[in-house]
């Protein structure tokens, strides 16, 4: 029995079903069909924040757009990032995007007899890109540029002061709880109220 207790809104976030040929080949999932939810991204990152939420949403949207009318194929998409891996939150975004797409850096799965390769399916410091991420199908070259503008979903006015108190160890239990609630409320807004909002999630291609 799981002891996890996530915020209720996690279950309202759209889930993503993909097909992974490697999972099929190794008998890990019938037909290679895997299903991911926002909670899986949280488990990977160890926390829920607007960055993790936006990475999940961008990857979800990109995969469904690149594979219209069919299950997205995990491991068939290369992802390039406008910024270096160690800049800002790029590493966090890359981890979540990698979870859904199967793309990995140079430490990823090297494949079996030249098949199912996952390593080097992420590239960084691609400054020529118009947007923060580019998702490219390796079989047909179809590409989609994507970015999130989280400033369009501002935090609650009380967040800054509550964070200051928490970080200094000056918040009481009620204030600490309130901070967490307001933090997750913003994440919920990103994922539920703005899931299809072109002002928050930008795509081109």
N, C-alpha and C. Protein backbone atom coordinates (compact mmCIF):
# COMPACT_ATOMS: atom_id res chain seq x y z
N UNK A 1 0.84 -1.20 0.00
CA UNK A 1 0.00 0.00 0.00
C UNK A 1 0.87 1.25 0.00
N UNK A 2 0.61 2.15 -0.93
CA UNK A 2 1.43 3.34 -1.06
C UNK A 2 1.15 4.32 0.07
N UNK A 3 2.21 4.99 0.53
CA UNK A 3 2.06 6.01 1.55
C UNK A 3 2.10 7.41 0.95
N UNK A 4 2.16 7.49 -0.37
CA UNK A 4 2.18 8.79 -1.04
C UNK A 4 0.85 9.52 -0.85
N UNK A 5 0.94 10.81 -0.62
CA UNK A 5 -0.26 11.64 -0.51
C UNK A 5 -0.01 12.92 -1.28
N UNK A 6 -0.35 12.89 -2.55
CA UNK A 6 -0.14 14.04 -3.42
C UNK A 6 -1.36 14.96 -3.37
N UNK A 7 -1.18 16.23 -3.76
CA UNK A 7 -2.34 17.12 -3.90
C UNK A 7 -3.34 16.52 -4.88
N UNK A 8 -4.60 16.71 -4.62
CA UNK A 8 -5.66 16.09 -5.42
C UNK A 8 -5.60 16.49 -6.89
N UNK A 9 -5.10 17.68 -7.19
CA UNK A 9 -5.13 18.14 -8.59
C UNK A 9 -4.22 17.32 -9.48
N UNK A 10 -3.24 16.59 -8.91
CA UNK A 10 -2.35 15.79 -9.73
C UNK A 10 -3.15 14.85 -10.64
N UNK A 11 -4.24 14.30 -10.10
CA UNK A 11 -5.03 13.33 -10.86
C UNK A 11 -5.87 13.98 -11.96
N UNK A 12 -5.97 15.30 -11.93
CA UNK A 12 -6.75 16.01 -12.95
C UNK A 12 -5.90 16.40 -14.16
N UNK A 13 -4.60 16.30 -14.03
CA UNK A 13 -3.70 16.68 -15.11
C UNK A 13 -3.75 15.62 -16.21
N UNK A 14 -3.84 16.02 -17.48
CA UNK A 14 -3.87 15.03 -18.56
C UNK A 14 -2.70 14.06 -18.50
N UNK A 15 -2.98 12.79 -18.70
CA UNK A 15 -1.97 11.76 -18.71
C UNK A 15 -1.49 11.52 -20.14
N UNK A 16 -0.36 10.85 -20.26
CA UNK A 16 0.22 10.60 -21.58
C UNK A 16 0.47 9.10 -21.75
N UNK A 17 -0.07 8.54 -22.82
CA UNK A 17 0.17 7.14 -23.15
C UNK A 17 1.12 7.09 -24.34
N UNK A 18 2.19 6.33 -24.22
CA UNK A 18 3.18 6.20 -25.28
C UNK A 18 3.44 4.73 -25.55
N UNK A 19 4.14 4.49 -26.65
CA UNK A 19 4.60 3.14 -26.94
C UNK A 19 6.11 3.13 -26.95
N UNK A 20 6.69 2.24 -26.18
CA UNK A 20 8.15 2.14 -26.10
C UNK A 20 8.58 0.78 -26.65
N UNK A 21 9.21 0.74 -27.83
CA UNK A 21 9.62 -0.53 -28.42
C UNK A 21 10.57 -1.33 -27.53
N UNK A 22 11.39 -0.64 -26.75
CA UNK A 22 12.31 -1.35 -25.85
C UNK A 22 11.54 -2.07 -24.75
N UNK A 23 10.52 -1.42 -24.21
CA UNK A 23 9.69 -2.07 -23.19
C UNK A 23 8.98 -3.28 -23.76
N UNK A 24 8.57 -3.18 -25.02
CA UNK A 24 7.93 -4.30 -25.69
C UNK A 24 8.92 -5.43 -25.91
N UNK A 25 10.10 -5.12 -26.43
CA UNK A 25 11.12 -6.12 -26.73
C UNK A 25 11.55 -6.90 -25.49
N UNK A 26 11.68 -6.22 -24.38
CA UNK A 26 12.15 -6.86 -23.14
C UNK A 26 11.01 -7.38 -22.28
N UNK A 27 9.78 -7.28 -22.78
CA UNK A 27 8.64 -7.82 -22.05
C UNK A 27 8.26 -7.04 -20.82
N UNK A 28 8.65 -5.77 -20.76
CA UNK A 28 8.37 -4.96 -19.58
C UNK A 28 6.93 -4.45 -19.56
N UNK A 29 6.33 -4.30 -20.74
CA UNK A 29 4.95 -3.82 -20.84
C UNK A 29 4.35 -4.38 -22.11
N UNK A 30 3.16 -4.91 -22.03
CA UNK A 30 2.52 -5.53 -23.18
C UNK A 30 2.35 -4.51 -24.31
N UNK A 31 2.88 -4.86 -25.46
CA UNK A 31 2.81 -3.96 -26.60
C UNK A 31 3.70 -2.74 -26.45
N UNK A 32 4.47 -2.68 -25.36
CA UNK A 32 5.31 -1.51 -25.11
C UNK A 32 4.54 -0.29 -24.67
N UNK A 33 3.28 -0.47 -24.30
CA UNK A 33 2.44 0.67 -23.93
C UNK A 33 2.72 1.10 -22.49
N UNK A 34 3.08 2.35 -22.32
CA UNK A 34 3.36 2.92 -21.01
C UNK A 34 2.49 4.16 -20.81
N UNK A 35 2.06 4.40 -19.58
CA UNK A 35 1.25 5.57 -19.27
C UNK A 35 1.91 6.40 -18.18
N UNK A 36 2.04 7.68 -18.44
CA UNK A 36 2.67 8.59 -17.49
C UNK A 36 1.67 9.65 -17.02
N UNK A 37 1.82 10.04 -15.77
CA UNK A 37 1.03 11.12 -15.21
C UNK A 37 1.95 12.16 -14.58
N UNK A 38 1.37 13.28 -14.18
CA UNK A 38 2.20 14.33 -13.58
C UNK A 38 2.92 13.83 -12.33
N UNK A 39 2.30 12.92 -11.58
CA UNK A 39 2.95 12.39 -10.38
C UNK A 39 4.26 11.70 -10.70
N UNK A 40 4.38 11.12 -11.90
CA UNK A 40 5.64 10.47 -12.29
C UNK A 40 6.75 11.50 -12.45
N UNK A 41 6.41 12.67 -12.99
CA UNK A 41 7.40 13.74 -13.11
C UNK A 41 7.81 14.24 -11.74
N UNK A 42 6.86 14.30 -10.82
CA UNK A 42 7.16 14.73 -9.45
C UNK A 42 8.05 13.72 -8.75
N UNK A 43 7.78 12.44 -8.95
CA UNK A 43 8.62 11.41 -8.36
C UNK A 43 10.06 11.52 -8.88
N UNK A 44 10.18 11.79 -10.18
CA UNK A 44 11.51 11.92 -10.78
C UNK A 44 12.26 13.12 -10.21
N UNK A 45 11.59 14.27 -10.19
CA UNK A 45 12.23 15.50 -9.73
C UNK A 45 12.34 15.59 -8.22
N UNK A 46 11.43 14.90 -7.53
CA UNK A 46 11.41 14.98 -6.08
C UNK A 46 10.63 16.17 -5.56
N UNK A 47 10.00 16.92 -6.45
CA UNK A 47 9.20 18.07 -6.03
C UNK A 47 8.26 18.47 -7.16
N UNK A 48 7.30 19.31 -6.82
CA UNK A 48 6.35 19.84 -7.79
C UNK A 48 6.48 21.36 -7.79
N UNK A 49 6.80 21.90 -8.95
CA UNK A 49 6.97 23.35 -9.07
C UNK A 49 6.54 23.76 -10.48
N UNK A 50 6.43 25.05 -10.75
CA UNK A 50 6.05 25.49 -12.09
C UNK A 50 6.99 24.98 -13.19
N UNK A 51 8.28 24.86 -12.88
CA UNK A 51 9.23 24.37 -13.87
C UNK A 51 8.95 22.92 -14.23
N UNK A 52 8.78 22.07 -13.23
CA UNK A 52 8.47 20.66 -13.48
C UNK A 52 7.15 20.56 -14.22
N UNK A 53 6.18 21.36 -13.81
CA UNK A 53 4.86 21.35 -14.46
C UNK A 53 4.97 21.75 -15.92
N UNK A 54 5.72 22.80 -16.21
CA UNK A 54 5.84 23.28 -17.59
C UNK A 54 6.58 22.27 -18.45
N UNK A 55 7.59 21.62 -17.90
CA UNK A 55 8.33 20.60 -18.66
C UNK A 55 7.42 19.44 -19.01
N UNK A 56 6.60 19.01 -18.06
CA UNK A 56 5.65 17.92 -18.31
C UNK A 56 4.66 18.33 -19.40
N UNK A 57 4.12 19.54 -19.29
CA UNK A 57 3.13 20.00 -20.26
C UNK A 57 3.73 20.15 -21.64
N UNK A 58 4.92 20.73 -21.74
CA UNK A 58 5.55 20.93 -23.04
C UNK A 58 5.83 19.59 -23.73
N UNK A 59 6.36 18.62 -22.98
CA UNK A 59 6.65 17.32 -23.56
C UNK A 59 5.36 16.61 -23.98
N UNK A 60 4.35 16.70 -23.15
CA UNK A 60 3.05 16.09 -23.46
C UNK A 60 2.49 16.67 -24.75
N UNK A 61 2.44 17.99 -24.84
CA UNK A 61 1.91 18.64 -26.04
C UNK A 61 2.75 18.32 -27.27
N UNK A 62 4.07 18.36 -27.11
CA UNK A 62 4.95 18.13 -28.26
C UNK A 62 4.78 16.72 -28.81
N UNK A 63 4.71 15.74 -27.94
CA UNK A 63 4.57 14.36 -28.40
C UNK A 63 3.23 14.12 -29.08
N UNK A 64 2.18 14.65 -28.52
CA UNK A 64 0.87 14.43 -29.14
C UNK A 64 0.76 15.16 -30.47
N UNK A 65 1.45 16.28 -30.62
CA UNK A 65 1.42 17.00 -31.89
C UNK A 65 2.31 16.35 -32.94
N UNK A 66 3.41 15.76 -32.53
CA UNK A 66 4.33 15.14 -33.47
C UNK A 66 3.84 13.76 -33.94
N UNK A 67 2.93 13.17 -33.16
CA UNK A 67 2.39 11.86 -33.51
C UNK A 67 0.86 11.93 -33.57
N UNK A 68 0.32 12.72 -34.48
CA UNK A 68 -1.14 12.88 -34.54
C UNK A 68 -1.83 11.57 -34.91
N UNK A 69 -2.86 11.24 -34.15
CA UNK A 69 -3.65 10.06 -34.46
C UNK A 69 -3.01 8.74 -34.12
N UNK A 70 -1.90 8.75 -33.40
CA UNK A 70 -1.22 7.51 -33.01
C UNK A 70 -0.53 7.70 -31.67
N UNK A 71 -0.14 6.59 -31.05
CA UNK A 71 0.59 6.70 -29.80
C UNK A 71 1.99 7.23 -30.08
N UNK A 72 2.42 8.24 -29.35
CA UNK A 72 3.80 8.71 -29.51
C UNK A 72 4.78 7.58 -29.21
N UNK A 73 5.86 7.53 -29.97
CA UNK A 73 6.85 6.48 -29.75
C UNK A 73 7.98 7.02 -28.88
N UNK A 74 8.11 6.45 -27.73
CA UNK A 74 9.18 6.84 -26.81
C UNK A 74 10.52 6.35 -27.36
N UNK A 75 11.50 7.24 -27.37
CA UNK A 75 12.81 6.91 -27.89
C UNK A 75 13.02 7.33 -29.33
N UNK A 76 11.99 7.86 -29.95
CA UNK A 76 12.08 8.25 -31.36
C UNK A 76 12.21 9.76 -31.53
N UNK A 77 12.31 10.48 -30.43
CA UNK A 77 12.36 11.94 -30.50
C UNK A 77 13.67 12.47 -29.92
N UNK A 78 14.30 13.33 -30.68
CA UNK A 78 15.49 14.04 -30.22
C UNK A 78 15.05 15.40 -29.67
N UNK A 79 15.63 15.82 -28.57
CA UNK A 79 15.25 17.09 -27.95
C UNK A 79 16.49 17.97 -27.80
N UNK A 80 16.43 19.16 -28.33
CA UNK A 80 17.53 20.11 -28.16
C UNK A 80 17.06 21.31 -27.36
N UNK A 81 17.98 21.86 -26.59
CA UNK A 81 17.68 22.93 -25.66
C UNK A 81 18.48 24.17 -26.03
N UNK A 82 17.84 25.31 -25.97
CA UNK A 82 18.48 26.57 -26.33
C UNK A 82 19.62 26.91 -25.37
N UNK A 83 19.47 26.53 -24.10
CA UNK A 83 20.44 26.92 -23.09
C UNK A 83 21.35 25.75 -22.68
N UNK A 84 22.50 26.03 -22.10
CA UNK A 84 23.40 24.98 -21.62
C UNK A 84 22.74 24.16 -20.51
N UNK A 85 23.18 22.93 -20.36
CA UNK A 85 22.60 22.03 -19.37
C UNK A 85 22.67 22.60 -17.96
N UNK A 86 23.76 23.27 -17.62
CA UNK A 86 23.95 23.75 -16.26
C UNK A 86 23.44 25.17 -16.04
N UNK A 87 22.69 25.71 -17.00
CA UNK A 87 22.16 27.07 -16.86
C UNK A 87 20.73 27.04 -16.34
N UNK A 88 20.49 27.77 -15.26
CA UNK A 88 19.14 27.91 -14.73
C UNK A 88 18.49 26.57 -14.42
N UNK A 89 17.27 26.38 -14.92
CA UNK A 89 16.52 25.15 -14.64
C UNK A 89 16.54 24.18 -15.83
N UNK A 90 17.48 24.38 -16.75
CA UNK A 90 17.54 23.54 -17.95
C UNK A 90 17.67 22.06 -17.59
N UNK A 91 18.50 21.74 -16.59
CA UNK A 91 18.70 20.36 -16.20
C UNK A 91 17.43 19.70 -15.68
N UNK A 92 16.65 20.44 -14.93
CA UNK A 92 15.39 19.91 -14.41
C UNK A 92 14.42 19.65 -15.56
N UNK A 93 14.32 20.60 -16.47
CA UNK A 93 13.44 20.44 -17.62
C UNK A 93 13.88 19.24 -18.46
N UNK A 94 15.18 19.09 -18.66
CA UNK A 94 15.69 17.99 -19.47
C UNK A 94 15.35 16.64 -18.85
N UNK A 95 15.41 16.55 -17.53
CA UNK A 95 15.10 15.30 -16.85
C UNK A 95 13.64 14.91 -17.04
N UNK A 96 12.75 15.86 -16.87
CA UNK A 96 11.31 15.57 -17.02
C UNK A 96 10.98 15.27 -18.47
N UNK A 97 11.54 16.05 -19.39
CA UNK A 97 11.31 15.80 -20.81
C UNK A 97 11.84 14.42 -21.20
N UNK A 98 12.98 14.05 -20.63
CA UNK A 98 13.55 12.75 -20.92
C UNK A 98 12.68 11.61 -20.43
N UNK A 99 12.01 11.82 -19.31
CA UNK A 99 11.11 10.80 -18.79
C UNK A 99 10.03 10.45 -19.80
N UNK A 100 9.42 11.45 -20.41
CA UNK A 100 8.31 11.21 -21.32
C UNK A 100 8.76 10.82 -22.72
N UNK A 101 9.84 11.42 -23.20
CA UNK A 101 10.28 11.18 -24.57
C UNK A 101 11.24 10.00 -24.69
N UNK A 102 11.90 9.64 -23.58
CA UNK A 102 12.92 8.59 -23.64
C UNK A 102 14.28 9.12 -24.06
N UNK A 103 14.37 10.41 -24.34
CA UNK A 103 15.64 11.00 -24.76
C UNK A 103 16.57 11.11 -23.56
N UNK A 104 17.86 10.85 -23.80
CA UNK A 104 18.84 10.90 -22.72
C UNK A 104 20.10 11.60 -23.20
N UNK A 105 20.95 11.92 -22.25
CA UNK A 105 22.24 12.54 -22.57
C UNK A 105 23.27 11.44 -22.81
N UNK A 106 24.56 11.75 -22.72
CA UNK A 106 25.58 10.76 -23.10
C UNK A 106 25.69 9.60 -22.12
N UNK A 107 24.99 9.68 -21.00
CA UNK A 107 25.00 8.56 -20.06
C UNK A 107 23.80 7.64 -20.22
N UNK A 108 22.99 7.88 -21.23
CA UNK A 108 21.79 7.09 -21.44
C UNK A 108 22.06 5.71 -22.01
N UNK A 109 20.98 4.95 -22.18
CA UNK A 109 21.08 3.57 -22.66
C UNK A 109 21.73 3.53 -24.04
N UNK A 110 22.75 2.69 -24.21
CA UNK A 110 23.50 2.64 -25.47
C UNK A 110 22.85 1.76 -26.52
N UNK A 111 21.80 1.03 -26.15
CA UNK A 111 21.08 0.23 -27.12
C UNK A 111 21.50 -1.23 -27.13
N UNK A 112 20.82 -1.99 -27.97
CA UNK A 112 21.11 -3.41 -28.14
C UNK A 112 21.30 -3.67 -29.63
N UNK A 113 22.52 -4.04 -30.00
CA UNK A 113 22.85 -4.30 -31.40
C UNK A 113 22.43 -3.14 -32.30
N UNK A 114 22.65 -1.93 -31.82
CA UNK A 114 22.34 -0.74 -32.61
C UNK A 114 20.90 -0.28 -32.57
N UNK A 115 20.05 -0.99 -31.85
CA UNK A 115 18.65 -0.60 -31.73
C UNK A 115 18.35 -0.09 -30.32
N UNK A 116 17.28 0.66 -30.21
CA UNK A 116 16.78 1.17 -28.93
C UNK A 116 17.76 2.15 -28.26
N UNK A 117 18.60 2.78 -29.02
CA UNK A 117 19.58 3.72 -28.45
C UNK A 117 18.85 4.94 -27.88
N UNK A 118 19.23 5.31 -26.68
CA UNK A 118 18.62 6.48 -26.03
C UNK A 118 19.65 7.57 -25.71
N UNK A 119 20.92 7.20 -25.68
CA UNK A 119 21.94 8.20 -25.34
C UNK A 119 22.11 9.20 -26.48
N UNK A 120 22.56 10.39 -26.10
CA UNK A 120 22.81 11.48 -27.05
C UNK A 120 21.56 11.87 -27.86
N UNK A 121 20.41 11.73 -27.22
CA UNK A 121 19.17 12.21 -27.84
C UNK A 121 18.75 13.55 -27.24
N UNK A 122 19.66 14.16 -26.47
CA UNK A 122 19.45 15.52 -25.98
C UNK A 122 20.70 16.33 -26.31
N UNK A 123 20.50 17.56 -26.77
CA UNK A 123 21.60 18.46 -27.08
C UNK A 123 21.33 19.80 -26.41
N UNK A 124 22.40 20.49 -26.04
CA UNK A 124 22.26 21.73 -25.28
C UNK A 124 23.05 22.87 -25.93
N UNK A 125 22.77 24.08 -25.45
CA UNK A 125 23.41 25.30 -25.95
C UNK A 125 23.17 25.49 -27.44
N UNK A 126 21.97 25.17 -27.87
CA UNK A 126 21.59 25.37 -29.27
C UNK A 126 21.00 26.78 -29.42
N UNK A 127 21.88 27.76 -29.40
CA UNK A 127 21.45 29.15 -29.32
C UNK A 127 20.71 29.64 -30.56
N UNK A 128 20.82 28.91 -31.66
CA UNK A 128 20.17 29.33 -32.89
C UNK A 128 18.66 29.07 -32.87
N UNK A 129 18.20 28.26 -31.91
CA UNK A 129 16.78 27.93 -31.86
C UNK A 129 15.94 29.15 -31.51
N UNK A 130 14.76 29.27 -32.11
CA UNK A 130 13.89 30.41 -31.79
C UNK A 130 13.23 30.30 -30.43
N UNK A 131 13.02 29.06 -29.93
CA UNK A 131 12.39 28.84 -28.64
C UNK A 131 13.26 27.93 -27.78
N UNK A 132 12.87 27.76 -26.54
CA UNK A 132 13.73 27.07 -25.57
C UNK A 132 14.00 25.61 -25.90
N UNK A 133 13.01 24.91 -26.46
CA UNK A 133 13.17 23.49 -26.77
C UNK A 133 12.77 23.21 -28.21
N UNK A 134 13.41 22.20 -28.79
CA UNK A 134 13.01 21.71 -30.10
C UNK A 134 12.90 20.19 -30.03
N UNK A 135 11.71 19.69 -30.37
CA UNK A 135 11.46 18.26 -30.40
C UNK A 135 11.48 17.82 -31.87
N UNK A 136 12.28 16.82 -32.20
CA UNK A 136 12.41 16.39 -33.59
C UNK A 136 12.25 14.88 -33.70
N UNK A 137 11.33 14.44 -34.56
CA UNK A 137 11.19 13.01 -34.82
C UNK A 137 12.39 12.54 -35.63
N UNK A 138 12.99 11.44 -35.21
CA UNK A 138 14.17 10.94 -35.88
C UNK A 138 13.85 10.16 -37.15
N UNK A 139 12.60 9.76 -37.32
CA UNK A 139 12.26 8.97 -38.50
C UNK A 139 11.88 9.83 -39.70
N UNK A 140 11.19 10.94 -39.47
CA UNK A 140 10.74 11.75 -40.60
C UNK A 140 11.16 13.21 -40.54
N UNK A 141 11.88 13.59 -39.47
CA UNK A 141 12.39 14.95 -39.37
C UNK A 141 11.39 16.00 -38.93
N UNK A 142 10.14 15.59 -38.67
CA UNK A 142 9.15 16.57 -38.21
C UNK A 142 9.61 17.19 -36.90
N UNK A 143 9.52 18.51 -36.80
CA UNK A 143 10.04 19.21 -35.63
C UNK A 143 9.04 20.20 -35.08
N UNK A 144 9.16 20.45 -33.78
CA UNK A 144 8.28 21.40 -33.10
C UNK A 144 9.10 22.16 -32.08
N UNK A 145 9.09 23.48 -32.18
CA UNK A 145 9.74 24.32 -31.18
C UNK A 145 8.74 24.65 -30.09
N UNK A 146 9.23 24.76 -28.86
CA UNK A 146 8.32 24.96 -27.73
C UNK A 146 8.98 25.77 -26.63
N UNK A 147 8.14 26.45 -25.86
CA UNK A 147 8.62 27.22 -24.71
C UNK A 147 7.45 27.52 -23.79
N UNK A 148 7.76 27.80 -22.54
CA UNK A 148 6.75 28.17 -21.56
C UNK A 148 7.07 29.56 -21.02
N UNK A 149 6.04 30.36 -20.84
CA UNK A 149 6.20 31.70 -20.29
C UNK A 149 5.43 31.76 -18.96
N UNK A 150 6.11 31.29 -17.92
CA UNK A 150 5.46 31.13 -16.62
C UNK A 150 5.16 32.45 -15.92
N UNK A 151 5.76 33.52 -16.39
CA UNK A 151 5.46 34.82 -15.81
C UNK A 151 4.00 35.18 -16.02
N UNK A 152 3.37 34.54 -17.00
CA UNK A 152 1.95 34.78 -17.26
C UNK A 152 1.05 34.18 -16.18
N UNK A 153 1.65 33.33 -15.32
CA UNK A 153 0.91 32.73 -14.21
C UNK A 153 1.61 33.16 -12.92
N UNK A 154 1.36 34.37 -12.46
CA UNK A 154 2.10 34.91 -11.32
C UNK A 154 1.73 34.22 -10.00
N UNK A 155 2.64 34.25 -9.04
CA UNK A 155 2.36 33.66 -7.73
C UNK A 155 1.41 34.53 -6.92
N UNK A 156 0.84 33.95 -5.88
CA UNK A 156 -0.01 34.69 -4.96
C UNK A 156 0.82 35.81 -4.30
N UNK A 157 0.21 36.96 -4.03
CA UNK A 157 0.95 38.09 -3.44
C UNK A 157 1.64 37.74 -2.11
N UNK A 158 1.13 36.78 -1.37
CA UNK A 158 1.72 36.44 -0.08
C UNK A 158 2.93 35.51 -0.19
N UNK A 159 3.19 34.99 -1.39
CA UNK A 159 4.22 33.96 -1.55
C UNK A 159 5.61 34.44 -1.16
N UNK A 160 5.99 35.62 -1.59
CA UNK A 160 7.35 36.10 -1.36
C UNK A 160 7.67 36.20 0.13
N UNK A 161 6.77 36.78 0.90
CA UNK A 161 7.01 36.93 2.33
C UNK A 161 7.00 35.59 3.03
N UNK A 162 6.08 34.71 2.65
CA UNK A 162 6.04 33.39 3.27
C UNK A 162 7.29 32.59 2.95
N UNK A 163 7.78 32.70 1.73
CA UNK A 163 9.02 32.02 1.38
C UNK A 163 10.19 32.55 2.20
N UNK A 164 10.24 33.86 2.37
CA UNK A 164 11.31 34.47 3.16
C UNK A 164 11.30 33.92 4.59
N UNK A 165 10.11 33.86 5.18
CA UNK A 165 10.00 33.35 6.54
C UNK A 165 10.41 31.88 6.63
N UNK A 166 9.98 31.10 5.65
CA UNK A 166 10.32 29.67 5.64
C UNK A 166 11.82 29.46 5.46
N UNK A 167 12.42 30.18 4.56
CA UNK A 167 13.84 30.00 4.29
C UNK A 167 14.71 30.43 5.46
N UNK A 168 14.22 31.37 6.25
CA UNK A 168 14.96 31.83 7.43
C UNK A 168 14.65 31.02 8.68
N UNK A 169 13.74 30.07 8.53
CA UNK A 169 13.35 29.27 9.69
C UNK A 169 12.49 30.02 10.67
N UNK A 170 11.84 31.08 10.21
CA UNK A 170 11.03 31.92 11.09
C UNK A 170 9.54 31.66 10.95
N UNK A 171 9.14 30.81 10.03
CA UNK A 171 7.71 30.54 9.80
C UNK A 171 7.19 29.55 10.83
N UNK A 172 5.97 29.79 11.33
CA UNK A 172 5.36 28.80 12.21
C UNK A 172 4.69 27.73 11.34
N UNK A 173 4.11 26.74 11.97
CA UNK A 173 3.54 25.61 11.22
C UNK A 173 2.44 26.05 10.26
N UNK A 174 1.64 27.00 10.70
CA UNK A 174 0.55 27.48 9.87
C UNK A 174 1.08 28.21 8.64
N UNK A 175 2.10 29.03 8.83
CA UNK A 175 2.68 29.78 7.72
C UNK A 175 3.38 28.84 6.73
N UNK A 176 4.07 27.84 7.26
CA UNK A 176 4.75 26.88 6.39
C UNK A 176 3.75 26.09 5.55
N UNK A 177 2.64 25.70 6.20
CA UNK A 177 1.60 24.98 5.47
C UNK A 177 0.97 25.87 4.41
N UNK A 178 0.74 27.11 4.74
CA UNK A 178 0.14 28.05 3.81
C UNK A 178 1.05 28.27 2.60
N UNK A 179 2.36 28.36 2.86
CA UNK A 179 3.30 28.52 1.76
C UNK A 179 3.20 27.35 0.78
N UNK A 180 3.20 26.13 1.31
CA UNK A 180 3.09 24.95 0.45
C UNK A 180 1.80 24.92 -0.34
N UNK A 181 0.72 25.32 0.30
CA UNK A 181 -0.58 25.34 -0.38
C UNK A 181 -0.59 26.35 -1.52
N UNK A 182 -0.04 27.53 -1.26
CA UNK A 182 -0.02 28.57 -2.30
C UNK A 182 0.91 28.17 -3.44
N UNK A 183 2.03 27.53 -3.10
CA UNK A 183 2.98 27.07 -4.12
C UNK A 183 2.29 26.08 -5.06
N UNK A 184 1.63 25.09 -4.50
CA UNK A 184 0.97 24.08 -5.32
C UNK A 184 -0.26 24.64 -6.04
N UNK A 185 -0.87 25.66 -5.49
CA UNK A 185 -2.01 26.30 -6.16
C UNK A 185 -1.55 26.93 -7.47
N UNK A 186 -0.35 27.50 -7.46
CA UNK A 186 0.17 28.07 -8.71
C UNK A 186 0.47 26.96 -9.72
N UNK A 187 1.04 25.86 -9.25
CA UNK A 187 1.31 24.72 -10.14
C UNK A 187 0.01 24.22 -10.75
N UNK A 188 -1.02 24.13 -9.93
CA UNK A 188 -2.33 23.67 -10.41
C UNK A 188 -2.86 24.60 -11.49
N UNK A 189 -2.69 25.89 -11.31
CA UNK A 189 -3.16 26.85 -12.31
C UNK A 189 -2.42 26.66 -13.64
N UNK A 190 -1.11 26.44 -13.55
CA UNK A 190 -0.32 26.21 -14.77
C UNK A 190 -0.86 24.99 -15.53
N UNK A 191 -1.10 23.91 -14.82
CA UNK A 191 -1.46 22.65 -15.44
C UNK A 191 -2.94 22.49 -15.78
N UNK A 192 -3.79 23.16 -15.08
CA UNK A 192 -5.22 22.99 -15.31
C UNK A 192 -5.85 24.19 -16.02
N UNK A 193 -5.67 25.37 -15.48
CA UNK A 193 -6.29 26.54 -16.08
C UNK A 193 -5.61 26.97 -17.38
N UNK A 194 -4.28 26.71 -17.49
CA UNK A 194 -3.53 27.22 -18.64
C UNK A 194 -2.97 26.13 -19.53
N UNK A 195 -3.46 24.90 -19.38
CA UNK A 195 -2.94 23.77 -20.17
C UNK A 195 -2.95 24.07 -21.67
N UNK A 196 -4.01 24.66 -22.16
CA UNK A 196 -4.14 24.96 -23.59
C UNK A 196 -4.02 26.45 -23.88
N UNK A 197 -3.38 27.18 -22.99
CA UNK A 197 -3.27 28.63 -23.13
C UNK A 197 -2.03 28.98 -23.98
N UNK A 198 -2.23 29.52 -25.18
CA UNK A 198 -1.09 29.87 -26.04
C UNK A 198 -0.26 31.02 -25.49
N UNK A 199 -0.80 31.75 -24.52
CA UNK A 199 -0.04 32.82 -23.90
C UNK A 199 1.00 32.26 -22.92
N UNK A 200 0.78 31.03 -22.47
CA UNK A 200 1.71 30.39 -21.52
C UNK A 200 2.59 29.36 -22.21
N UNK A 201 2.00 28.54 -23.07
CA UNK A 201 2.75 27.50 -23.78
C UNK A 201 2.79 27.83 -25.27
N UNK A 202 4.01 28.09 -25.76
CA UNK A 202 4.20 28.51 -27.14
C UNK A 202 4.74 27.35 -27.98
N UNK A 203 4.22 27.21 -29.19
CA UNK A 203 4.67 26.18 -30.10
C UNK A 203 4.81 26.76 -31.51
N UNK A 204 5.80 26.28 -32.23
CA UNK A 204 6.00 26.71 -33.61
C UNK A 204 6.63 25.55 -34.38
N UNK A 205 6.13 25.34 -35.60
CA UNK A 205 6.72 24.27 -36.40
C UNK A 205 5.64 23.46 -37.08
